[in-house]
Amino acid sequence: MPDRFRNSTLLHVEDLYQAFGGKVVLDNIDLSVAAGELVTVVGPSGCGKSTLLRIIIGQDRPAGGQVWLDGHQLDTPNRERGVVYQHYSLFPNLTVLDNVLAGHRLRGWPWQKPPAEACELAEHLLAKTGMDRHLEKYPHQLSGGQRQRVAIAQALMQKPRILCMDEPFSALDPGTRETMQLLLLELWEAFGMTVFFVTHDLEEAVYLGTRLVALSPYYTDDRGDGDGVNRGARVVVDRSLRPIGTAVSPRIKTDQAFAQCIQEIRRDAFDPDHRQHVSTFDLSHPHSWVTFTADEVRPAESQAAE
């Protein structure tokens, strides 16, 4: 692929392929994320959403393909990619403040007092996440939502180019979950962040995202429909939801257009009886791939066979 395409967006995933024990999970994924986007990723259970995220952050190595950030190929984890998991990534023996400072300690001064500017940044981030009154508490003294607030501050402390989040709110009760969604949108707007957000909750994905990407194994392609095709998930939906920087209110969830969007994505990505035909990725543009319903391509295939 020409370098200008890799350099045109912040994150670029190219021909990504992953298989485990002979089972294909990700089937040549091509995807780009522009700076400032909040991209939500959905798909049927087990389709490889978290696998894709782990490859992007460098936790897993793909069987094929490449990941690029700002035109540079990535492999191992680094501070340019922050991550927040579903299960809280906090050290139980450290206070809230020390948890947020932990990354800085590991990078250079494990037995020394943190620099004043690092402490100021940590306290600023904890204030932004609403945890400035709990600096000296330990994780076991916090609620689930409070722990995730600390985990977000911990990730932002490294000033990542992109924040990757893997089901970060799925273990929370509905009220806390909605509060955390609003917090994420506030932080995204305040810091101009780029976010790659994996979730199983389609409503959450449509509500939060400026753009939604759906992975699914339910599609057809040029390999046909035979049982011998070992097909993994591909991108079957890539949908712009709202412009970057546009504020959103929880009231949008009551709109008819919101419900219609969810219905269409559920049909296109989650319904095994509704299979789109996914064309080959067009390298002339990083977002340029086209899908058609299977019924639309079958007449053309029949004519070619004749």
Protein backbone atom coordinates (compact mmCIF):
# COMPACT_ATOMS: atom_id res chain seq x y z
CA MET A 1 0.00 0.00 0.00
CA PRO A 2 1.36 3.49 -0.82
CA ASP A 3 2.64 5.39 2.22
CA ARG A 4 0.24 8.29 1.66
CA PHE A 5 -2.67 6.03 2.63
CA ARG A 6 -0.95 4.84 5.80
CA ASN A 7 -0.14 8.45 6.69
CA SER A 8 -3.61 9.84 5.93
CA THR A 9 -5.12 8.71 9.25
CA LEU A 10 -3.88 8.29 12.82
CA LEU A 11 -4.36 4.51 13.03
CA HIS A 12 -4.29 2.17 10.07
CA VAL A 13 -4.93 -1.58 10.17
CA GLU A 14 -3.89 -3.34 6.97
CA ASP A 15 -4.78 -6.90 5.83
CA LEU A 16 -5.05 -8.07 9.44
CA TYR A 17 -5.48 -11.83 9.77
CA GLN A 18 -5.68 -13.91 12.94
CA ALA A 19 -6.37 -17.60 13.49
CA PHE A 20 -6.29 -19.87 16.54
CA GLY A 21 -5.92 -23.63 16.18
CA GLY A 22 -6.94 -23.56 12.54
CA LYS A 23 -10.02 -21.41 13.18
CA VAL A 24 -9.93 -18.07 11.39
CA VAL A 25 -11.03 -15.24 13.70
CA LEU A 26 -10.13 -12.07 11.79
CA ASP A 27 -10.20 -12.35 8.01
CA ASN A 28 -8.07 -9.65 6.36
CA ILE A 29 -9.35 -6.61 8.26
CA ASP A 30 -8.67 -3.21 6.69
CA LEU A 31 -9.56 -0.23 8.86
CA SER A 32 -8.47 3.36 9.41
CA VAL A 33 -9.18 5.70 12.34
CA ALA A 34 -8.78 9.46 11.97
CA ALA A 35 -7.51 11.70 14.77
CA GLY A 36 -10.37 12.86 16.99
CA GLU A 37 -12.75 10.04 16.08
CA LEU A 38 -14.60 8.03 18.70
CA VAL A 39 -14.92 4.71 16.89
CA THR A 40 -17.15 2.09 18.47
CA VAL A 41 -16.72 -1.56 17.48
CA VAL A 42 -19.51 -4.12 17.74
CA GLY A 43 -20.26 -7.60 16.46
CA PRO A 44 -21.63 -11.01 17.45
CA SER A 45 -20.14 -12.69 20.50
CA GLY A 46 -16.82 -14.32 19.71
CA CYS A 47 -16.33 -12.54 16.39
CA GLY A 48 -12.92 -11.12 17.33
CA LYS A 49 -13.61 -7.60 18.62
CA SER A 50 -11.32 -7.94 21.63
CA THR A 51 -8.78 -9.85 19.53
CA LEU A 52 -8.60 -6.88 17.17
CA LEU A 53 -8.10 -4.49 20.09
CA ARG A 54 -5.36 -6.65 21.62
CA ILE A 55 -3.50 -6.64 18.30
CA ILE A 56 -3.84 -2.86 18.01
CA ILE A 57 -2.35 -2.28 21.47
CA GLY A 58 0.43 -4.80 20.80
CA GLN A 59 -0.68 -7.38 23.36
CA ASP A 60 -1.14 -10.07 20.67
CA ARG A 61 0.70 -10.57 17.39
CA PRO A 62 -1.40 -11.18 14.26
CA ALA A 63 -0.83 -14.16 11.97
CA GLY A 64 -0.72 -11.67 9.11
CA GLY A 65 -1.09 -7.98 8.39
CA GLN A 66 0.20 -4.80 9.95
CA VAL A 67 -0.80 -1.98 12.32
CA TRP A 68 0.41 1.57 11.66
CA LEU A 69 0.22 4.66 13.87
CA ASP A 70 1.05 8.00 12.26
CA GLY A 71 2.77 6.18 9.41
CA HIS A 72 4.97 4.03 11.68
CA GLN A 73 4.50 0.28 11.89
CA LEU A 74 3.72 -0.99 15.40
CA ASP A 75 4.30 -4.33 17.08
CA THR A 76 5.04 -4.09 20.81
CA PRO A 77 2.99 -2.07 23.34
CA ASN A 78 3.99 1.53 23.99
CA ARG A 79 2.62 4.64 25.71
CA GLU A 80 1.08 5.94 22.45
CA ARG A 81 -1.78 3.45 22.90
CA GLY A 82 -3.60 3.68 26.23
CA VAL A 83 -5.96 0.92 27.29
CA VAL A 84 -8.87 0.51 29.71
CA TYR A 85 -10.21 -3.01 30.25
CA GLN A 86 -13.51 -4.35 31.54
CA HIS A 87 -11.77 -5.64 34.67
CA TYR A 88 -10.10 -2.93 36.65
CA SER A 89 -6.36 -2.64 36.00
CA LEU A 90 -5.49 -1.18 39.39
CA PHE A 91 -2.81 -2.22 41.87
CA PRO A 92 -4.64 -3.23 45.09
CA ASN A 93 -1.77 -2.11 47.34
CA LEU A 94 -1.55 1.42 45.90
CA THR A 95 -3.70 4.46 46.62
CA VAL A 96 -5.75 6.12 43.89
CA LEU A 97 -3.08 8.76 43.31
CA ASP A 98 -0.24 6.23 43.27
CA ASN A 99 -2.15 4.02 40.83
CA VAL A 100 -2.36 6.90 38.39
CA LEU A 101 1.35 7.64 38.90
CA ALA A 102 2.38 3.98 38.58
CA GLY A 103 3.23 4.19 34.88
CA HIS A 104 5.57 7.10 35.47
CA ARG A 105 7.25 5.27 38.34
CA LEU A 106 7.94 2.24 36.15
CA ARG A 107 9.49 4.45 33.49
CA GLY A 108 12.26 5.97 35.54
CA TRP A 109 11.99 6.74 39.23
CA PRO A 110 10.58 3.70 41.08
CA TRP A 111 12.08 4.57 44.47
CA GLN A 112 12.04 8.35 44.26
CA LYS A 113 9.39 10.94 44.90
CA PRO A 114 7.41 11.66 41.69
CA PRO A 115 8.27 14.95 39.95
CA ALA A 116 5.93 17.79 40.87
CA GLU A 117 4.62 18.10 37.29
CA ALA A 118 3.66 14.40 37.26
CA CYS A 119 1.73 14.78 40.51
CA GLU A 120 -0.01 17.89 39.17
CA LEU A 121 -1.05 16.06 36.01
CA ALA A 122 -2.31 13.05 37.98
CA GLU A 123 -4.35 15.25 40.31
CA HIS A 124 -5.72 17.19 37.32
CA LEU A 125 -6.85 13.97 35.61
CA LEU A 126 -8.39 12.66 38.80
CA ALA A 127 -10.26 15.94 39.18
CA LYS A 128 -11.50 15.62 35.58
CA THR A 129 -12.74 12.10 36.31
CA GLY A 130 -14.37 13.16 39.57
CA MET A 131 -11.95 11.32 41.84
CA ASP A 132 -10.05 14.24 43.39
CA ARG A 133 -11.65 13.61 46.80
CA HIS A 134 -10.44 10.02 46.91
CA LEU A 135 -6.69 10.37 46.30
CA GLU A 136 -5.64 8.40 49.38
CA LYS A 137 -8.19 5.61 49.10
CA TYR A 138 -7.35 2.07 47.98
CA PRO A 139 -9.17 0.18 45.19
CA HIS A 140 -11.12 -2.04 47.62
CA GLN A 141 -12.65 1.12 49.11
CA LEU A 142 -14.08 2.24 45.74
CA SER A 143 -17.20 1.33 43.80
CA GLY A 144 -16.98 -0.25 40.36
CA GLY A 145 -17.64 3.05 38.63
CA GLN A 146 -15.01 4.81 40.75
CA ARG A 147 -12.43 2.17 39.89
CA GLN A 148 -13.06 2.68 36.19
CA ARG A 149 -12.70 6.44 36.64
CA VAL A 150 -9.26 5.81 38.14
CA ALA A 151 -8.40 3.38 35.31
CA ILE A 152 -9.29 6.04 32.73
CA ALA A 153 -7.14 8.63 34.52
CA GLN A 154 -4.35 6.04 34.71
CA ALA A 155 -4.51 5.50 30.92
CA LEU A 156 -4.66 9.23 30.12
CA MET A 157 -1.64 9.87 32.35
CA GLN A 158 0.57 8.45 29.59
CA LYS A 159 -0.84 11.00 27.09
CA PRO A 160 -1.69 8.31 24.51
CA ARG A 161 -2.32 9.14 20.86
CA ILE A 162 -5.28 6.75 20.94
CA LEU A 163 -7.25 5.37 23.89
CA CYS A 164 -8.39 1.77 23.41
CA MET A 165 -11.25 0.56 25.60
CA ASP A 166 -12.39 -3.07 25.84
CA GLU A 167 -15.92 -3.35 27.28
CA PRO A 168 -15.00 -0.83 29.99
CA PHE A 169 -18.54 -0.30 31.33
CA SER A 170 -20.11 -3.73 30.83
CA ALA A 171 -19.69 -4.82 34.47
CA LEU A 172 -21.41 -1.70 35.83
CA ASP A 173 -25.05 -1.26 36.83
CA PRO A 174 -27.22 0.67 34.30
CA GLY A 175 -27.19 3.97 36.21
CA THR A 176 -23.43 3.96 36.75
CA ARG A 177 -22.93 2.87 33.16
CA GLU A 178 -24.83 5.89 31.83
CA THR A 179 -22.84 8.18 34.11
CA MET A 180 -19.58 6.71 32.80
CA GLN A 181 -20.73 7.12 29.20
CA LEU A 182 -21.32 10.81 29.83
CA LEU A 183 -17.93 11.09 31.52
CA LEU A 184 -16.21 9.52 28.51
CA LEU A 185 -17.92 11.95 26.14
CA GLU A 186 -16.90 14.89 28.35
CA LEU A 187 -13.26 13.73 28.44
CA TRP A 188 -13.24 13.01 24.70
CA GLU A 189 -14.45 16.54 24.01
CA ALA A 190 -12.21 18.23 26.61
CA PHE A 191 -8.98 16.49 25.57
CA GLY A 192 -9.69 16.04 21.85
CA MET A 193 -9.03 12.33 22.26
CA THR A 194 -9.08 9.57 19.67
CA VAL A 195 -10.94 6.56 21.09
CA PHE A 196 -11.29 2.95 19.87
CA PHE A 197 -14.14 1.52 21.95
CA VAL A 198 -15.15 -2.17 21.87
CA THR A 199 -18.57 -3.07 23.24
CA HIS A 200 -21.20 -5.80 22.95
CA ASP A 201 -23.95 -3.22 23.60
CA LEU A 202 -25.26 -1.88 20.29
CA GLU A 203 -27.19 0.97 21.93
CA GLU A 204 -24.03 2.09 23.74
CA ALA A 205 -22.06 1.95 20.49
CA VAL A 206 -24.54 4.08 18.53
CA TYR A 207 -24.86 6.55 21.39
CA LEU A 208 -21.15 7.09 22.00
CA GLY A 209 -19.59 6.80 18.58
CA THR A 210 -18.88 9.37 15.92
CA ARG A 211 -18.44 6.28 13.77
CA LEU A 212 -19.45 2.65 14.20
CA VAL A 213 -17.63 -0.38 12.82
CA ALA A 214 -19.24 -3.82 12.95
CA LEU A 215 -17.33 -7.08 12.58
CA SER A 216 -19.21 -10.19 11.58
CA PRO A 217 -18.69 -13.68 10.16
CA TYR A 218 -22.08 -13.40 8.47
CA TYR A 219 -21.25 -12.34 4.91
CA THR A 220 -20.42 -13.70 1.48
CA ASP A 221 -17.43 -12.85 -0.67
CA ASP A 222 -15.66 -14.01 -3.80
CA ARG A 223 -14.76 -17.31 -2.13
CA GLY A 224 -18.39 -18.45 -2.36
CA ASP A 225 -20.60 -20.13 0.26
CA GLY A 226 -19.16 -23.65 0.43
CA ASP A 227 -18.66 -25.43 3.73
CA GLY A 228 -14.97 -25.68 2.94
CA VAL A 229 -14.49 -21.90 3.26
CA ASN A 230 -12.85 -21.15 6.62
CA ARG A 231 -14.22 -17.64 6.99
CA GLY A 232 -13.44 -15.28 9.86
CA ALA A 233 -14.96 -11.93 10.76
CA ARG A 234 -14.66 -8.95 8.46
CA VAL A 235 -15.95 -5.38 8.54
CA VAL A 236 -19.56 -5.51 7.33
CA VAL A 237 -20.68 -2.07 8.61
CA ASP A 238 -18.64 1.15 8.67
CA ARG A 239 -21.10 3.92 9.47
CA SER A 240 -20.58 7.60 10.26
CA LEU A 241 -22.90 8.58 13.11
CA ARG A 242 -22.11 12.25 13.71
CA PRO A 243 -19.34 14.76 12.98
CA ILE A 244 -16.23 14.78 15.16
CA GLY A 245 -16.63 17.22 18.04
CA THR A 246 -20.43 17.16 17.97
CA ALA A 247 -22.04 17.04 21.41
CA VAL A 248 -24.63 14.36 22.10
CA SER A 249 -27.38 14.13 24.70
CA PRO A 250 -28.91 11.00 26.30
CA ARG A 251 -32.21 12.23 24.84
CA ILE A 252 -31.03 11.00 21.45
CA LYS A 253 -31.82 7.46 22.63
CA THR A 254 -35.53 8.24 22.36
CA ASP A 255 -35.33 9.38 18.73
CA GLN A 256 -36.85 7.22 16.02
CA ALA A 257 -33.70 7.63 13.90
CA PHE A 258 -31.61 6.21 16.77
CA ALA A 259 -33.79 3.11 16.98
CA GLN A 260 -33.78 2.72 13.20
CA CYS A 261 -29.98 2.87 13.13
CA ILE A 262 -29.74 0.13 15.76
CA GLN A 263 -32.20 -2.03 13.85
CA GLU A 264 -30.26 -1.70 10.60
CA ILE A 265 -26.91 -2.52 12.19
CA ARG A 266 -28.38 -5.48 14.06
CA ARG A 267 -29.70 -6.84 10.75
CA ASP A 268 -26.46 -6.28 8.82
CA ALA A 269 -24.02 -7.59 11.44
CA PHE A 270 -25.87 -9.89 13.85
CA ASP A 271 -28.45 -11.74 11.72
CA PRO A 272 -26.95 -14.97 10.28
CA ASP A 273 -29.79 -15.11 7.73
CA HIS A 274 -28.95 -11.67 6.30
CA ARG A 275 -25.58 -11.94 4.59
CA GLN A 276 -24.02 -9.09 2.69
CA HIS A 277 -21.48 -9.55 -0.06
CA VAL A 278 -18.25 -7.88 1.00
CA SER A 279 -16.07 -6.72 -1.85
CA THR A 280 -12.29 -6.54 -1.90
CA PHE A 281 -10.92 -3.51 -0.09
CA ASP A 282 -10.15 -0.66 -2.49
CA LEU A 283 -6.66 0.64 -1.70
CA SER A 284 -7.37 3.95 -3.40
CA HIS A 285 -9.05 5.19 -0.22
CA PRO A 286 -8.61 3.97 3.37
CA HIS A 287 -12.35 3.75 4.04
CA SER A 288 -13.37 2.53 0.59
CA TRP A 289 -14.98 -0.86 0.75
CA VAL A 290 -18.46 -1.68 -0.53
CA THR A 291 -21.09 -4.14 0.61
CA PHE A 292 -24.08 -5.48 -1.23
CA THR A 293 -26.79 -7.85 -0.10
CA ALA A 294 -26.29 -11.42 -1.24
CA ASP A 295 -29.45 -11.23 -3.36
CA GLU A 296 -28.01 -8.28 -5.29
CA VAL A 297 -24.87 -10.13 -6.36
CA ARG A 298 -26.37 -13.51 -7.14
CA PRO A 299 -27.91 -12.43 -10.50
CA ALA A 300 -24.52 -11.12 -11.60
CA GLU A 301 -22.83 -14.33 -10.48
CA SER A 302 -25.42 -16.38 -12.42
CA GLN A 303 -24.82 -14.35 -15.57
CA ALA A 304 -21.07 -14.84 -15.26
CA ALA A 305 -21.56 -18.60 -14.90
CA GLU A 306 -23.64 -18.68 -18.08
